[in-house]
Amino acid sequence: MGGDTGPTAAVHGSAAAVLAHPGLTIDLFGPRAQLESELTSLPRHLAAAGSRLSVRHAPEAIRQGQRPSDALRRGAGTSMARMLAHLADGRAVAGVSAGNTGALMALARRELGMVAGIPRPAISTAIPTRNEGRCYLLDLGANVDATAARLVDFARMGEVMARHVDGLAAPRVALLNVGSEGTKGSASVREADARLRDLATLNYCGFVEGDGVFAGAADVIVCDGFVGNAVLKASEGLARMLIERVQATFEAHWSSRLVGLLARPALRRLKGELDPVRYNGASLLGLTGIVIKSHGSADATGFSYAVQRAVREVSQDLPSRLAAELTGGTALNKSKR
């Protein structure tokens, strides 16, 4: 219920996701009458999914501007809180929400708890890189001002995710910085660099600058939440502008329209590769359960990608792998936190 356009995108996206995954069923949380109305009006190509979508009544919704503390005190009847309680009770294996990010983090942390002494979740998503690759960027806003110990936590969690979910044998891990020299960057970034160089279990490749993010310089790129959120939002805006500019260029004159007609397959492929919708679905890493944050403005296609992200993490039992692999180094990191 928390998306910018109401439940329609979530219901249609969920329907598309269950059709793409034969073993998948989804519980939808919100006002029963409203969600049942959405299900009865599914488009014809999605109607077959209705039997695998169940409605769970939740009379209230958390507002986008609502404070996390207020959600914790007064949010028991909301769709987000009831979804997370459902997940914590073991009646589902993953949760997906397009709602208030701060409230989702606070409620998920309370309901599910954290693995391996990690104090707070980190938000991570995949972004496109050169040669049709991708890398994981974290944190994206959950931890605006991160200590060196937290940056090390991000690196370790991102490495586990890239290794298991993407099947990379030795993911390349880097710290996002304003330069490649060891003297550059904030004190926390320089300290994190020193600590990561001491971790023999990580394929750490040092600092990467902003232009290296999309060049594929690393598989996991670590930064604090302020920087990560700015990079992500700027890249989404740039991708949309480039797509619009290319389309406008080909439509500007009759001769360019002819060239555009010939180039349409390539343009369609380019749009698909750059479209932020393809990469919708950010993981809240560090929780004992799987929670995926969909962009609030995502349409049905974007929401279905977020659900499919959850499916991939379930298939790898990501929280259990994080707990098992992070426990060994937790004591060392906690002593310096």
C-alpha atoms as a PDB file:
ATOM      1  CA  MET A   1       0.000   0.000   0.000  1.00  0.00           C
ATOM      2  CA  GLY A   2       2.980   2.331   0.325  1.00  0.00           C
ATOM      3  CA  GLY A   3       3.867   2.963  -3.324  1.00  0.00           C
ATOM      4  CA  ASP A   4       3.407   6.366  -4.917  1.00  0.00           C
ATOM      5  CA  THR A   5       0.500   5.168  -7.087  1.00  0.00           C
ATOM      6  CA  GLY A   6      -1.314   2.970  -4.571  1.00  0.00           C
ATOM      7  CA  PRO A   7      -1.697  -0.807  -4.763  1.00  0.00           C
ATOM      8  CA  THR A   8      -2.259  -1.218  -8.507  1.00  0.00           C
ATOM      9  CA  ALA A   9       1.442  -1.474  -9.412  1.00  0.00           C
ATOM     10  CA  ALA A  10       2.119  -3.905  -6.556  1.00  0.00           C
ATOM     11  CA  VAL A  11      -0.837  -6.159  -7.408  1.00  0.00           C
ATOM     12  CA  HIS A  12      -0.123  -6.218 -11.147  1.00  0.00           C
ATOM     13  CA  GLY A  13       3.606  -6.662 -10.533  1.00  0.00           C
ATOM     14  CA  SER A  14       2.933  -9.529  -8.124  1.00  0.00           C
ATOM     15  CA  ALA A  15       0.697 -11.175 -10.700  1.00  0.00           C
ATOM     16  CA  ALA A  16       3.429 -10.918 -13.330  1.00  0.00           C
ATOM     17  CA  ALA A  17       5.967 -12.389 -10.900  1.00  0.00           C
ATOM     18  CA  VAL A  18       3.882 -15.464 -10.041  1.00  0.00           C
ATOM     19  CA  LEU A  19       3.318 -16.150 -13.731  1.00  0.00           C
ATOM     20  CA  ALA A  20       7.104 -16.029 -14.241  1.00  0.00           C
ATOM     21  CA  HIS A  21       7.744 -18.433 -11.311  1.00  0.00           C
ATOM     22  CA  PRO A  22       5.416 -21.468 -11.237  1.00  0.00           C
ATOM     23  CA  GLY A  23       6.190 -22.308  -7.588  1.00  0.00           C
ATOM     24  CA  LEU A  24       5.574 -18.806  -6.247  1.00  0.00           C
ATOM     25  CA  THR A  25       2.579 -17.646  -4.204  1.00  0.00           C
ATOM     26  CA  ILE A  26       2.172 -14.132  -2.782  1.00  0.00           C
ATOM     27  CA  ASP A  27       0.214 -12.684   0.146  1.00  0.00           C
ATOM     28  CA  LEU A  28      -0.957  -9.112  -0.439  1.00  0.00           C
ATOM     29  CA  PHE A  29      -1.419  -6.863   2.620  1.00  0.00           C
ATOM     30  CA  GLY A  30      -3.870  -3.976   2.689  1.00  0.00           C
ATOM     31  CA  PRO A  31      -7.577  -3.142   3.002  1.00  0.00           C
ATOM     32  CA  ARG A  32      -9.367  -6.316   1.924  1.00  0.00           C
ATOM     33  CA  ALA A  33     -12.047  -4.689  -0.228  1.00  0.00           C
ATOM     34  CA  GLN A  34      -9.538  -2.538  -2.100  1.00  0.00           C
ATOM     35  CA  LEU A  35      -7.172  -5.415  -2.850  1.00  0.00           C
ATOM     36  CA  GLU A  36      -9.953  -7.786  -3.856  1.00  0.00           C
ATOM     37  CA  SER A  37     -11.180  -5.119  -6.271  1.00  0.00           C
ATOM     38  CA  GLU A  38      -7.683  -4.919  -7.758  1.00  0.00           C
ATOM     39  CA  LEU A  39      -7.599  -8.705  -8.196  1.00  0.00           C
ATOM     40  CA  THR A  40     -10.991  -8.900  -9.912  1.00  0.00           C
ATOM     41  CA  SER A  41      -9.920  -6.198 -12.374  1.00  0.00           C
ATOM     42  CA  LEU A  42      -6.581  -7.754 -13.368  1.00  0.00           C
ATOM     43  CA  PRO A  43      -5.896  -7.454 -17.115  1.00  0.00           C
ATOM     44  CA  ARG A  44      -6.640 -10.553 -19.144  1.00  0.00           C
ATOM     45  CA  HIS A  45      -2.978 -11.496 -19.572  1.00  0.00           C
ATOM     46  CA  LEU A  46      -2.540 -11.510 -15.758  1.00  0.00           C
ATOM     47  CA  ALA A  47      -5.893 -12.991 -14.741  1.00  0.00           C
ATOM     48  CA  ALA A  48      -4.526 -16.536 -14.396  1.00  0.00           C
ATOM     49  CA  ALA A  49      -2.315 -15.374 -11.521  1.00  0.00           C
ATOM     50  CA  GLY A  50      -5.289 -14.570  -9.296  1.00  0.00           C
ATOM     51  CA  SER A  51      -5.447 -18.063  -7.767  1.00  0.00           C
ATOM     52  CA  ARG A  52      -1.900 -17.667  -6.403  1.00  0.00           C
ATOM     53  CA  LEU A  53      -2.437 -14.226  -4.862  1.00  0.00           C
ATOM     54  CA  SER A  54      -4.028 -14.107  -1.391  1.00  0.00           C
ATOM     55  CA  VAL A  55      -5.338 -11.049   0.434  1.00  0.00           C
ATOM     56  CA  ARG A  56      -4.397 -10.418   4.077  1.00  0.00           C
ATOM     57  CA  HIS A  57      -6.428  -7.644   5.652  1.00  0.00           C
ATOM     58  CA  ALA A  58      -4.502  -4.622   6.967  1.00  0.00           C
ATOM     59  CA  PRO A  59      -6.739  -1.573   7.485  1.00  0.00           C
ATOM     60  CA  GLU A  60      -4.004   1.077   7.593  1.00  0.00           C
ATOM     61  CA  ALA A  61      -0.960   2.195   5.608  1.00  0.00           C
ATOM     62  CA  ILE A  62       2.246   3.977   6.591  1.00  0.00           C
ATOM     63  CA  ARG A  63       2.559   7.373   4.949  1.00  0.00           C
ATOM     64  CA  GLN A  64       5.637   8.181   2.879  1.00  0.00           C
ATOM     65  CA  GLY A  65       6.561  11.059   5.192  1.00  0.00           C
ATOM     66  CA  GLN A  66       5.813   9.244   8.455  1.00  0.00           C
ATOM     67  CA  ARG A  67       8.660   9.091  10.968  1.00  0.00           C
ATOM     68  CA  PRO A  68      10.088   5.627  11.683  1.00  0.00           C
ATOM     69  CA  SER A  69       9.603   6.197  15.429  1.00  0.00           C
ATOM     70  CA  ASP A  70       5.914   6.911  14.839  1.00  0.00           C
ATOM     71  CA  ALA A  71       5.602   3.796  12.673  1.00  0.00           C
ATOM     72  CA  LEU A  72       7.110   1.731  15.480  1.00  0.00           C
ATOM     73  CA  ARG A  73       4.648   3.103  18.042  1.00  0.00           C
ATOM     74  CA  ARG A  74       1.453   3.318  15.995  1.00  0.00           C
ATOM     75  CA  GLY A  75       1.942   1.128  12.933  1.00  0.00           C
ATOM     76  CA  ALA A  76       0.625  -2.232  14.161  1.00  0.00           C
ATOM     77  CA  GLY A  77      -2.391  -2.170  11.851  1.00  0.00           C
ATOM     78  CA  THR A  78      -0.521  -1.117   8.733  1.00  0.00           C
ATOM     79  CA  SER A  79       0.128  -3.270   5.689  1.00  0.00           C
ATOM     80  CA  MET A  80       3.910  -2.973   6.180  1.00  0.00           C
ATOM     81  CA  ALA A  81       3.894  -4.022   9.847  1.00  0.00           C
ATOM     82  CA  ARG A  82       1.539  -6.942   9.258  1.00  0.00           C
ATOM     83  CA  MET A  83       3.572  -8.135   6.286  1.00  0.00           C
ATOM     84  CA  LEU A  84       6.753  -8.135   8.373  1.00  0.00           C
ATOM     85  CA  ALA A  85       5.044  -9.902  11.301  1.00  0.00           C
ATOM     86  CA  HIS A  86       3.820 -12.508   8.801  1.00  0.00           C
ATOM     87  CA  LEU A  87       7.407 -12.971   7.632  1.00  0.00           C
ATOM     88  CA  ALA A  88       8.772 -13.132  11.193  1.00  0.00           C
ATOM     89  CA  ASP A  89       6.210 -15.824  12.066  1.00  0.00           C
ATOM     90  CA  GLY A  90       7.542 -18.016   9.275  1.00  0.00           C
ATOM     91  CA  ARG A  91       4.408 -17.794   7.131  1.00  0.00           C
ATOM     92  CA  ALA A  92       6.400 -16.333   4.235  1.00  0.00           C
ATOM     93  CA  VAL A  93      10.019 -16.553   3.115  1.00  0.00           C
ATOM     94  CA  ALA A  94      10.494 -12.952   1.918  1.00  0.00           C
ATOM     95  CA  GLY A  95       8.815  -9.560   2.056  1.00  0.00           C
ATOM     96  CA  VAL A  96       8.652  -6.828  -0.593  1.00  0.00           C
ATOM     97  CA  SER A  97       7.506  -3.246  -0.022  1.00  0.00           C
ATOM     98  CA  ALA A  98       7.435  -0.007  -2.005  1.00  0.00           C
ATOM     99  CA  GLY A  99       6.683   2.003   1.125  1.00  0.00           C
ATOM    100  CA  ASN A 100       8.509   4.385   3.454  1.00  0.00           C
ATOM    101  CA  THR A 101      12.163   3.239   3.561  1.00  0.00           C
ATOM    102  CA  GLY A 102      12.905   4.449   7.088  1.00  0.00           C
ATOM    103  CA  ALA A 103       9.782   2.790   8.486  1.00  0.00           C
ATOM    104  CA  LEU A 104      10.527  -0.429   6.603  1.00  0.00           C
ATOM    105  CA  MET A 105      14.028  -0.565   8.063  1.00  0.00           C
ATOM    106  CA  ALA A 106      12.903   0.175  11.606  1.00  0.00           C
ATOM    107  CA  LEU A 107      10.012  -2.295  11.572  1.00  0.00           C
ATOM    108  CA  ALA A 108      12.048  -5.016   9.848  1.00  0.00           C
ATOM    109  CA  ARG A 109      14.852  -4.649  12.351  1.00  0.00           C
ATOM    110  CA  ARG A 110      12.393  -4.972  15.249  1.00  0.00           C
ATOM    111  CA  GLU A 111      10.436  -7.889  13.803  1.00  0.00           C
ATOM    112  CA  LEU A 112      13.289  -9.920  12.312  1.00  0.00           C
ATOM    113  CA  GLY A 113      16.460  -8.928  14.148  1.00  0.00           C
ATOM    114  CA  MET A 114      19.988  -8.816  12.763  1.00  0.00           C
ATOM    115  CA  VAL A 115      22.578 -11.472  11.908  1.00  0.00           C
ATOM    116  CA  ALA A 116      26.132 -11.811  13.240  1.00  0.00           C
ATOM    117  CA  GLY A 117      26.133  -8.670  15.379  1.00  0.00           C
ATOM    118  CA  ILE A 118      25.415  -6.333  12.434  1.00  0.00           C
ATOM    119  CA  PRO A 119      23.879  -3.242  14.107  1.00  0.00           C
ATOM    120  CA  ARG A 120      21.733  -1.944  11.224  1.00  0.00           C
ATOM    121  CA  PRO A 121      20.704  -3.160   7.777  1.00  0.00           C
ATOM    122  CA  ALA A 122      22.451  -1.849   4.680  1.00  0.00           C
ATOM    123  CA  ILE A 123      20.515  -1.153   1.501  1.00  0.00           C
ATOM    124  CA  SER A 124      22.075  -2.563  -1.653  1.00  0.00           C
ATOM    125  CA  THR A 125      21.021  -2.835  -5.268  1.00  0.00           C
ATOM    126  CA  ALA A 126      22.567  -3.900  -8.555  1.00  0.00           C
ATOM    127  CA  ILE A 127      23.436  -1.238 -11.128  1.00  0.00           C
ATOM    128  CA  PRO A 128      24.415  -1.770 -14.786  1.00  0.00           C
ATOM    129  CA  THR A 129      28.048  -1.671 -15.846  1.00  0.00           C
ATOM    130  CA  ARG A 130      30.023  -1.953 -19.073  1.00  0.00           C
ATOM    131  CA  ASN A 131      29.662  -5.065 -21.266  1.00  0.00           C
ATOM    132  CA  GLU A 132      26.212  -5.872 -19.857  1.00  0.00           C
ATOM    133  CA  GLY A 133      27.625  -6.488 -16.391  1.00  0.00           C
ATOM    134  CA  ARG A 134      26.462  -5.193 -13.035  1.00  0.00           C
ATOM    135  CA  CYS A 135      27.828  -4.342  -9.620  1.00  0.00           C
ATOM    136  CA  TYR A 136      26.338  -4.032  -6.155  1.00  0.00           C
ATOM    137  CA  LEU A 137      26.420  -0.601  -4.554  1.00  0.00           C
ATOM    138  CA  LEU A 138      25.925  -0.229  -0.788  1.00  0.00           C
ATOM    139  CA  ASP A 139      24.867   1.513   1.349  1.00  0.00           C
ATOM    140  CA  LEU A 140      22.112   3.465  -0.405  1.00  0.00           C
ATOM    141  CA  GLY A 141      20.723   5.545   2.437  1.00  0.00           C
ATOM    142  CA  ALA A 142      20.188   3.409   5.512  1.00  0.00           C
ATOM    143  CA  ASN A 143      23.431   4.576   7.151  1.00  0.00           C
ATOM    144  CA  VAL A 144      24.078   8.166   6.109  1.00  0.00           C
ATOM    145  CA  ASP A 145      27.229   8.586   8.197  1.00  0.00           C
ATOM    146  CA  ALA A 146      29.110   5.271   8.381  1.00  0.00           C
ATOM    147  CA  THR A 147      32.115   4.424  10.537  1.00  0.00           C
ATOM    148  CA  ALA A 148      35.035   2.407   9.220  1.00  0.00           C
ATOM    149  CA  ALA A 149      33.665  -0.692  10.976  1.00  0.00           C
ATOM    150  CA  ARG A 150      30.325  -0.265   9.232  1.00  0.00           C
ATOM    151  CA  LEU A 151      32.008   0.129   5.837  1.00  0.00           C
ATOM    152  CA  VAL A 152      33.843  -3.131   6.475  1.00  0.00           C
ATOM    153  CA  ASP A 153      30.492  -4.764   7.341  1.00  0.00           C
ATOM    154  CA  PHE A 154      29.058  -3.479   4.057  1.00  0.00           C
ATOM    155  CA  ALA A 155      31.992  -4.914   2.129  1.00  0.00           C
ATOM    156  CA  ARG A 156      31.670  -8.337   3.721  1.00  0.00           C
ATOM    157  CA  MET A 157      27.889  -8.513   3.249  1.00  0.00           C
ATOM    158  CA  GLY A 158      28.087  -7.333  -0.356  1.00  0.00           C
ATOM    159  CA  GLU A 159      30.786  -9.883  -1.116  1.00  0.00           C
ATOM    160  CA  VAL A 160      28.677 -12.742   0.287  1.00  0.00           C
ATOM    161  CA  MET A 161      25.662 -11.613  -1.739  1.00  0.00           C
ATOM    162  CA  ALA A 162      27.604 -11.285  -4.999  1.00  0.00           C
ATOM    163  CA  ARG A 163      29.246 -14.663  -4.481  1.00  0.00           C
ATOM    164  CA  HIS A 164      26.090 -16.610  -3.715  1.00  0.00           C
ATOM    165  CA  VAL A 165      23.302 -14.781  -5.568  1.00  0.00           C
ATOM    166  CA  ASP A 166      25.351 -13.987  -8.691  1.00  0.00           C
ATOM    167  CA  GLY A 167      27.647 -17.013  -8.536  1.00  0.00           C
ATOM    168  CA  LEU A 168      30.912 -15.029  -8.643  1.00  0.00           C
ATOM    169  CA  ALA A 169      33.833 -17.076  -7.343  1.00  0.00           C
ATOM    170  CA  ALA A 170      35.802 -14.113  -5.975  1.00  0.00           C
ATOM    171  CA  PRO A 171      33.852 -10.830  -6.272  1.00  0.00           C
ATOM    172  CA  ARG A 172      36.036  -7.739  -6.571  1.00  0.00           C
ATOM    173  CA  VAL A 173      35.336  -5.370  -3.683  1.00  0.00           C
ATOM    174  CA  ALA A 174      36.212  -1.656  -3.731  1.00  0.00           C
ATOM    175  CA  LEU A 175      35.659   1.487  -1.666  1.00  0.00           C
ATOM    176  CA  LEU A 176      34.165   4.498  -3.450  1.00  0.00           C
ATOM    177  CA  ASN A 177      36.451   7.495  -2.957  1.00  0.00           C
ATOM    178  CA  VAL A 178      37.399  10.868  -4.452  1.00  0.00           C
ATOM    179  CA  GLY A 179      40.745   9.527  -5.652  1.00  0.00           C
ATOM    180  CA  SER A 180      42.841   6.380  -5.813  1.00  0.00           C
ATOM    181  CA  GLU A 181      45.635   7.676  -3.552  1.00  0.00           C
ATOM    182  CA  GLY A 182      45.785   6.409   0.021  1.00  0.00           C
ATOM    183  CA  THR A 183      45.731   9.956   1.395  1.00  0.00           C
ATOM    184  CA  LYS A 184      42.397  10.826  -0.252  1.00  0.00           C
ATOM    185  CA  GLY A 185      38.977  10.592   1.351  1.00  0.00           C
ATOM    186  CA  SER A 186      37.498  10.894   4.826  1.00  0.00           C
ATOM    187  CA  ALA A 187      39.096   9.374   7.910  1.00  0.00           C
ATOM    188  CA  SER A 188      36.499   6.578   8.026  1.00  0.00           C
ATOM    189  CA  VAL A 189      37.141   5.638   4.390  1.00  0.00           C
ATOM    190  CA  ARG A 190      40.919   5.570   4.882  1.00  0.00           C
ATOM    191  CA  GLU A 191      40.558   3.462   8.032  1.00  0.00           C
ATOM    192  CA  ALA A 192      38.174   1.076   6.284  1.00  0.00           C
ATOM    193  CA  ASP A 193      40.718   0.722   3.477  1.00  0.00           C
ATOM    194  CA  ALA A 194      43.397  -0.318   5.984  1.00  0.00           C
ATOM    195  CA  ARG A 195      41.083  -2.854   7.625  1.00  0.00           C
ATOM    196  CA  LEU A 196      39.937  -4.357   4.331  1.00  0.00           C
ATOM    197  CA  ARG A 197      43.526  -4.855   3.220  1.00  0.00           C
ATOM    198  CA  ASP A 198      43.991  -7.046   6.306  1.00  0.00           C
ATOM    199  CA  LEU A 199      41.067  -9.323   5.397  1.00  0.00           C
ATOM    200  CA  ALA A 200      42.594 -12.200   3.466  1.00  0.00           C
ATOM    201  CA  THR A 201      39.153 -13.669   2.715  1.00  0.00           C
ATOM    202  CA  LEU A 202      38.143 -10.677   0.565  1.00  0.00           C
ATOM    203  CA  ASN A 203      39.227  -9.915  -2.981  1.00  0.00           C
ATOM    204  CA  TYR A 204      39.722  -6.255  -2.105  1.00  0.00           C
ATOM    205  CA  CYS A 205      41.019  -4.023  -4.888  1.00  0.00           C
ATOM    206  CA  GLY A 206      41.256  -0.659  -3.106  1.00  0.00           C
ATOM    207  CA  PHE A 207      39.655   2.653  -4.013  1.00  0.00           C
ATOM    208  CA  VAL A 208      37.502   3.301  -7.060  1.00  0.00           C
ATOM    209  CA  GLU A 209      36.381   6.731  -8.253  1.00  0.00           C
ATOM    210  CA  GLY A 210      32.919   7.623  -9.494  1.00  0.00           C
ATOM    211  CA  ASP A 211      33.677   6.901 -13.132  1.00  0.00           C
ATOM    212  CA  GLY A 212      34.710   3.364 -12.194  1.00  0.00           C
ATOM    213  CA  VAL A 213      31.252   2.471 -10.875  1.00  0.00           C
ATOM    214  CA  PHE A 214      29.712   2.059 -14.328  1.00  0.00           C
ATOM    215  CA  ALA A 215      32.961   0.959 -15.961  1.00  0.00           C
ATOM    216  CA  GLY A 216      32.793  -2.365 -14.136  1.00  0.00           C
ATOM    217  CA  ALA A 217      35.894  -1.730 -12.019  1.00  0.00           C
ATOM    218  CA  ALA A 218      34.443  -3.837  -9.176  1.00  0.00           C
ATOM    219  CA  ASP A 219      31.592  -6.228  -8.417  1.00  0.00           C
ATOM    220  CA  VAL A 220      30.845  -4.690  -5.001  1.00  0.00           C
ATOM    221  CA  ILE A 221      31.339  -0.978  -4.332  1.00  0.00           C
ATOM    222  CA  VAL A 222      31.083   0.301  -0.771  1.00  0.00           C
ATOM    223  CA  CYS A 223      30.245   3.800   0.471  1.00  0.00           C
ATOM    224  CA  ASP A 224      28.171   5.491   3.141  1.00  0.00           C
ATOM    225  CA  GLY A 225      24.454   5.954   2.631  1.00  0.00           C
ATOM    226  CA  PHE A 226      24.609   9.645   1.766  1.00  0.00           C
ATOM    227  CA  VAL A 227      27.050   9.088  -1.097  1.00  0.00           C
ATOM    228  CA  GLY A 228      25.382   5.880  -2.286  1.00  0.00           C
ATOM    229  CA  ASN A 229      21.920   7.392  -2.462  1.00  0.00           C
ATOM    230  CA  ALA A 230      23.218  10.429  -4.368  1.00  0.00           C
ATOM    231  CA  VAL A 231      25.056   8.210  -6.874  1.00  0.00           C
ATOM    232  CA  LEU A 232      22.024   5.990  -7.409  1.00  0.00           C
ATOM    233  CA  LYS A 233      19.526   8.812  -7.902  1.00  0.00           C
ATOM    234  CA  ALA A 234      21.905  10.725 -10.175  1.00  0.00           C
ATOM    235  CA  SER A 235      22.503   7.638 -12.322  1.00  0.00           C
ATOM    236  CA  GLU A 236      18.763   6.960 -12.635  1.00  0.00           C
ATOM    237  CA  GLY A 237      18.154  10.539 -13.719  1.00  0.00           C
ATOM    238  CA  LEU A 238      21.034  10.421 -16.198  1.00  0.00           C
ATOM    239  CA  ALA A 239      19.779   7.158 -17.719  1.00  0.00           C
ATOM    240  CA  ARG A 240      16.306   8.591 -18.268  1.00  0.00           C
ATOM    241  CA  MET A 241      17.723  11.795 -19.767  1.00  0.00           C
ATOM    242  CA  LEU A 242      19.942   9.878 -22.195  1.00  0.00           C
ATOM    243  CA  ILE A 243      17.032   7.730 -23.355  1.00  0.00           C
ATOM    244  CA  GLU A 244      14.837  10.803 -23.858  1.00  0.00           C
ATOM    245  CA  ARG A 245      17.589  12.712 -25.682  1.00  0.00           C
ATOM    246  CA  VAL A 246      18.282   9.834 -28.064  1.00  0.00           C
ATOM    247  CA  GLN A 247      14.575   9.453 -28.847  1.00  0.00           C
ATOM    248  CA  ALA A 248      14.148  13.199 -29.348  1.00  0.00           C
ATOM    249  CA  THR A 249      17.177  13.339 -31.673  1.00  0.00           C
ATOM    250  CA  PHE A 250      15.745  10.685 -33.968  1.00  0.00           C
ATOM    251  CA  GLU A 251      12.314  12.357 -34.019  1.00  0.00           C
ATOM    252  CA  ALA A 252      13.614  15.865 -34.769  1.00  0.00           C
ATOM    253  CA  HIS A 253      13.664  15.639 -38.613  1.00  0.00           C
ATOM    254  CA  TRP A 254      12.286  13.392 -41.338  1.00  0.00           C
ATOM    255  CA  SER A 255      15.760  12.096 -42.245  1.00  0.00           C
ATOM    256  CA  SER A 256      16.640  11.310 -38.645  1.00  0.00           C
ATOM    257  CA  ARG A 257      13.253   9.614 -38.226  1.00  0.00           C
ATOM    258  CA  LEU A 258      14.196   7.291 -41.081  1.00  0.00           C
ATOM    259  CA  VAL A 259      17.519   6.489 -39.415  1.00  0.00           C
ATOM    260  CA  GLY A 260      15.664   5.997 -36.138  1.00  0.00           C
ATOM    261  CA  LEU A 261      13.349   3.502 -37.781  1.00  0.00           C
ATOM    262  CA  LEU A 262      16.329   1.456 -38.934  1.00  0.00           C
ATOM    263  CA  ALA A 263      17.976   1.750 -35.541  1.00  0.00           C
ATOM    264  CA  ARG A 264      14.830   0.880 -33.569  1.00  0.00           C
ATOM    265  CA  PRO A 265      15.977  -2.637 -32.501  1.00  0.00           C
ATOM    266  CA  ALA A 266      19.284  -1.268 -31.210  1.00  0.00           C
ATOM    267  CA  LEU A 267      17.527   1.624 -29.451  1.00  0.00           C
ATOM    268  CA  ARG A 268      15.088  -0.775 -27.817  1.00  0.00           C
ATOM    269  CA  ARG A 269      17.994  -2.874 -26.578  1.00  0.00           C
ATOM    270  CA  LEU A 270      19.788   0.229 -25.254  1.00  0.00           C
ATOM    271  CA  LYS A 271      16.677   1.383 -23.418  1.00  0.00           C
ATOM    272  CA  GLY A 272      16.295  -2.045 -21.856  1.00  0.00           C
ATOM    273  CA  GLU A 273      19.897  -2.066 -20.666  1.00  0.00           C
ATOM    274  CA  LEU A 274      19.772   1.444 -19.177  1.00  0.00           C
ATOM    275  CA  ASP A 275      16.218   1.475 -17.825  1.00  0.00           C
ATOM    276  CA  PRO A 276      16.399   1.699 -14.007  1.00  0.00           C
ATOM    277  CA  VAL A 277      13.226  -0.420 -13.820  1.00  0.00           C
ATOM    278  CA  ARG A 278      15.299  -3.502 -14.677  1.00  0.00           C
ATOM    279  CA  TYR A 279      17.352  -3.024 -11.525  1.00  0.00           C
ATOM    280  CA  ASN A 280      14.492  -2.271  -9.147  1.00  0.00           C
ATOM    281  CA  GLY A 281      14.611  -4.119  -5.861  1.00  0.00           C
ATOM    282  CA  ALA A 282      17.110  -3.183  -3.146  1.00  0.00           C
ATOM    283  CA  SER A 283      18.113  -5.721  -0.503  1.00  0.00           C
ATOM    284  CA  LEU A 284      18.053  -4.864   3.202  1.00  0.00           C
ATOM    285  CA  LEU A 285      21.207  -6.795   4.048  1.00  0.00           C
ATOM    286  CA  GLY A 286      21.940  -7.953   7.569  1.00  0.00           C
ATOM    287  CA  LEU A 287      18.416  -8.929   8.631  1.00  0.00           C
ATOM    288  CA  THR A 288      17.648 -12.501   9.656  1.00  0.00           C
ATOM    289  CA  GLY A 289      15.018 -12.572   6.900  1.00  0.00           C
ATOM    290  CA  ILE A 290      14.777 -11.396   3.309  1.00  0.00           C
ATOM    291  CA  VAL A 291      13.241  -7.946   2.804  1.00  0.00           C
ATOM    292  CA  ILE A 292      13.335  -6.147  -0.542  1.00  0.00           C
ATOM    293  CA  LYS A 293      12.632  -2.440  -0.974  1.00  0.00           C
ATOM    294  CA  SER A 294      10.984  -1.516  -4.254  1.00  0.00           C
ATOM    295  CA  HIS A 295      11.246   2.044  -5.532  1.00  0.00           C
ATOM    296  CA  GLY A 296       8.144   3.958  -4.485  1.00  0.00           C
ATOM    297  CA  SER A 297       7.525   5.148  -8.048  1.00  0.00           C
ATOM    298  CA  ALA A 298       7.982   1.701  -9.636  1.00  0.00           C
ATOM    299  CA  ASP A 299       5.325   0.575 -12.086  1.00  0.00           C
ATOM    300  CA  ALA A 300       4.043  -3.002 -12.301  1.00  0.00           C
ATOM    301  CA  THR A 301       7.078  -4.134 -14.284  1.00  0.00           C
ATOM    302  CA  GLY A 302       9.448  -2.590 -11.767  1.00  0.00           C
ATOM    303  CA  PHE A 303       7.615  -4.160  -8.836  1.00  0.00           C
ATOM    304  CA  SER A 304       7.770  -7.578 -10.492  1.00  0.00           C
ATOM    305  CA  TYR A 305      11.566  -7.213 -10.735  1.00  0.00           C
ATOM    306  CA  ALA A 306      11.680  -6.506  -6.992  1.00  0.00           C
ATOM    307  CA  VAL A 307       9.687  -9.682  -6.296  1.00  0.00           C
ATOM    308  CA  GLN A 308      11.994 -11.676  -8.563  1.00  0.00           C
ATOM    309  CA  ARG A 309      14.971 -10.270  -6.671  1.00  0.00           C
ATOM    310  CA  ALA A 310      13.432 -11.718  -3.514  1.00  0.00           C
ATOM    311  CA  VAL A 311      12.981 -15.072  -5.251  1.00  0.00           C
ATOM    312  CA  ARG A 312      16.687 -15.206  -6.133  1.00  0.00           C
ATOM    313  CA  GLU A 313      17.721 -14.440  -2.558  1.00  0.00           C
ATOM    314  CA  VAL A 314      15.352 -17.100  -1.216  1.00  0.00           C
ATOM    315  CA  SER A 315      16.843 -19.665  -3.587  1.00  0.00           C
ATOM    316  CA  GLN A 316      20.267 -19.014  -2.030  1.00  0.00           C
ATOM    317  CA  ASP A 317      19.011 -18.693   1.578  1.00  0.00           C
ATOM    318  CA  LEU A 318      20.997 -15.464   1.788  1.00  0.00           C
ATOM    319  CA  PRO A 319      20.428 -14.569   5.496  1.00  0.00           C
ATOM    320  CA  SER A 320      21.716 -17.986   6.614  1.00  0.00           C
ATOM    321  CA  ARG A 321      24.793 -17.616   4.440  1.00  0.00           C
ATOM    322  CA  LEU A 322      25.422 -14.131   5.814  1.00  0.00           C
ATOM    323  CA  ALA A 323      25.085 -15.387   9.385  1.00  0.00           C
ATOM    324  CA  ALA A 324      27.437 -18.308   8.795  1.00  0.00           C
ATOM    325  CA  GLU A 325      30.127 -16.372   6.940  1.00  0.00           C
ATOM    326  CA  LEU A 326      30.106 -13.147   8.972  1.00  0.00           C
ATOM    327  CA  THR A 327      30.212 -14.709  12.416  1.00  0.00           C
ATOM    328  CA  GLY A 328      33.927 -15.505  12.237  1.00  0.00           C
ATOM    329  CA  GLY A 329      34.995 -11.855  11.866  1.00  0.00           C
ATOM    330  CA  THR A 330      32.314 -10.216  13.971  1.00  0.00           C
ATOM    331  CA  ALA A 331      34.264 -10.155  17.245  1.00  0.00           C
ATOM    332  CA  LEU A 332      37.195  -8.386  15.596  1.00  0.00           C
ATOM    333  CA  ASN A 333      34.962  -5.718  14.092  1.00  0.00           C
ATOM    334  CA  LYS A 334      32.831  -5.202  17.216  1.00  0.00           C
ATOM    335  CA  SER A 335      35.895  -4.472  19.319  1.00  0.00           C
ATOM    336  CA  LYS A 336      36.651  -1.440  17.127  1.00  0.00           C
ATOM    337  CA  ARG A 337      33.106  -0.301  16.494  1.00  0.00           C
END
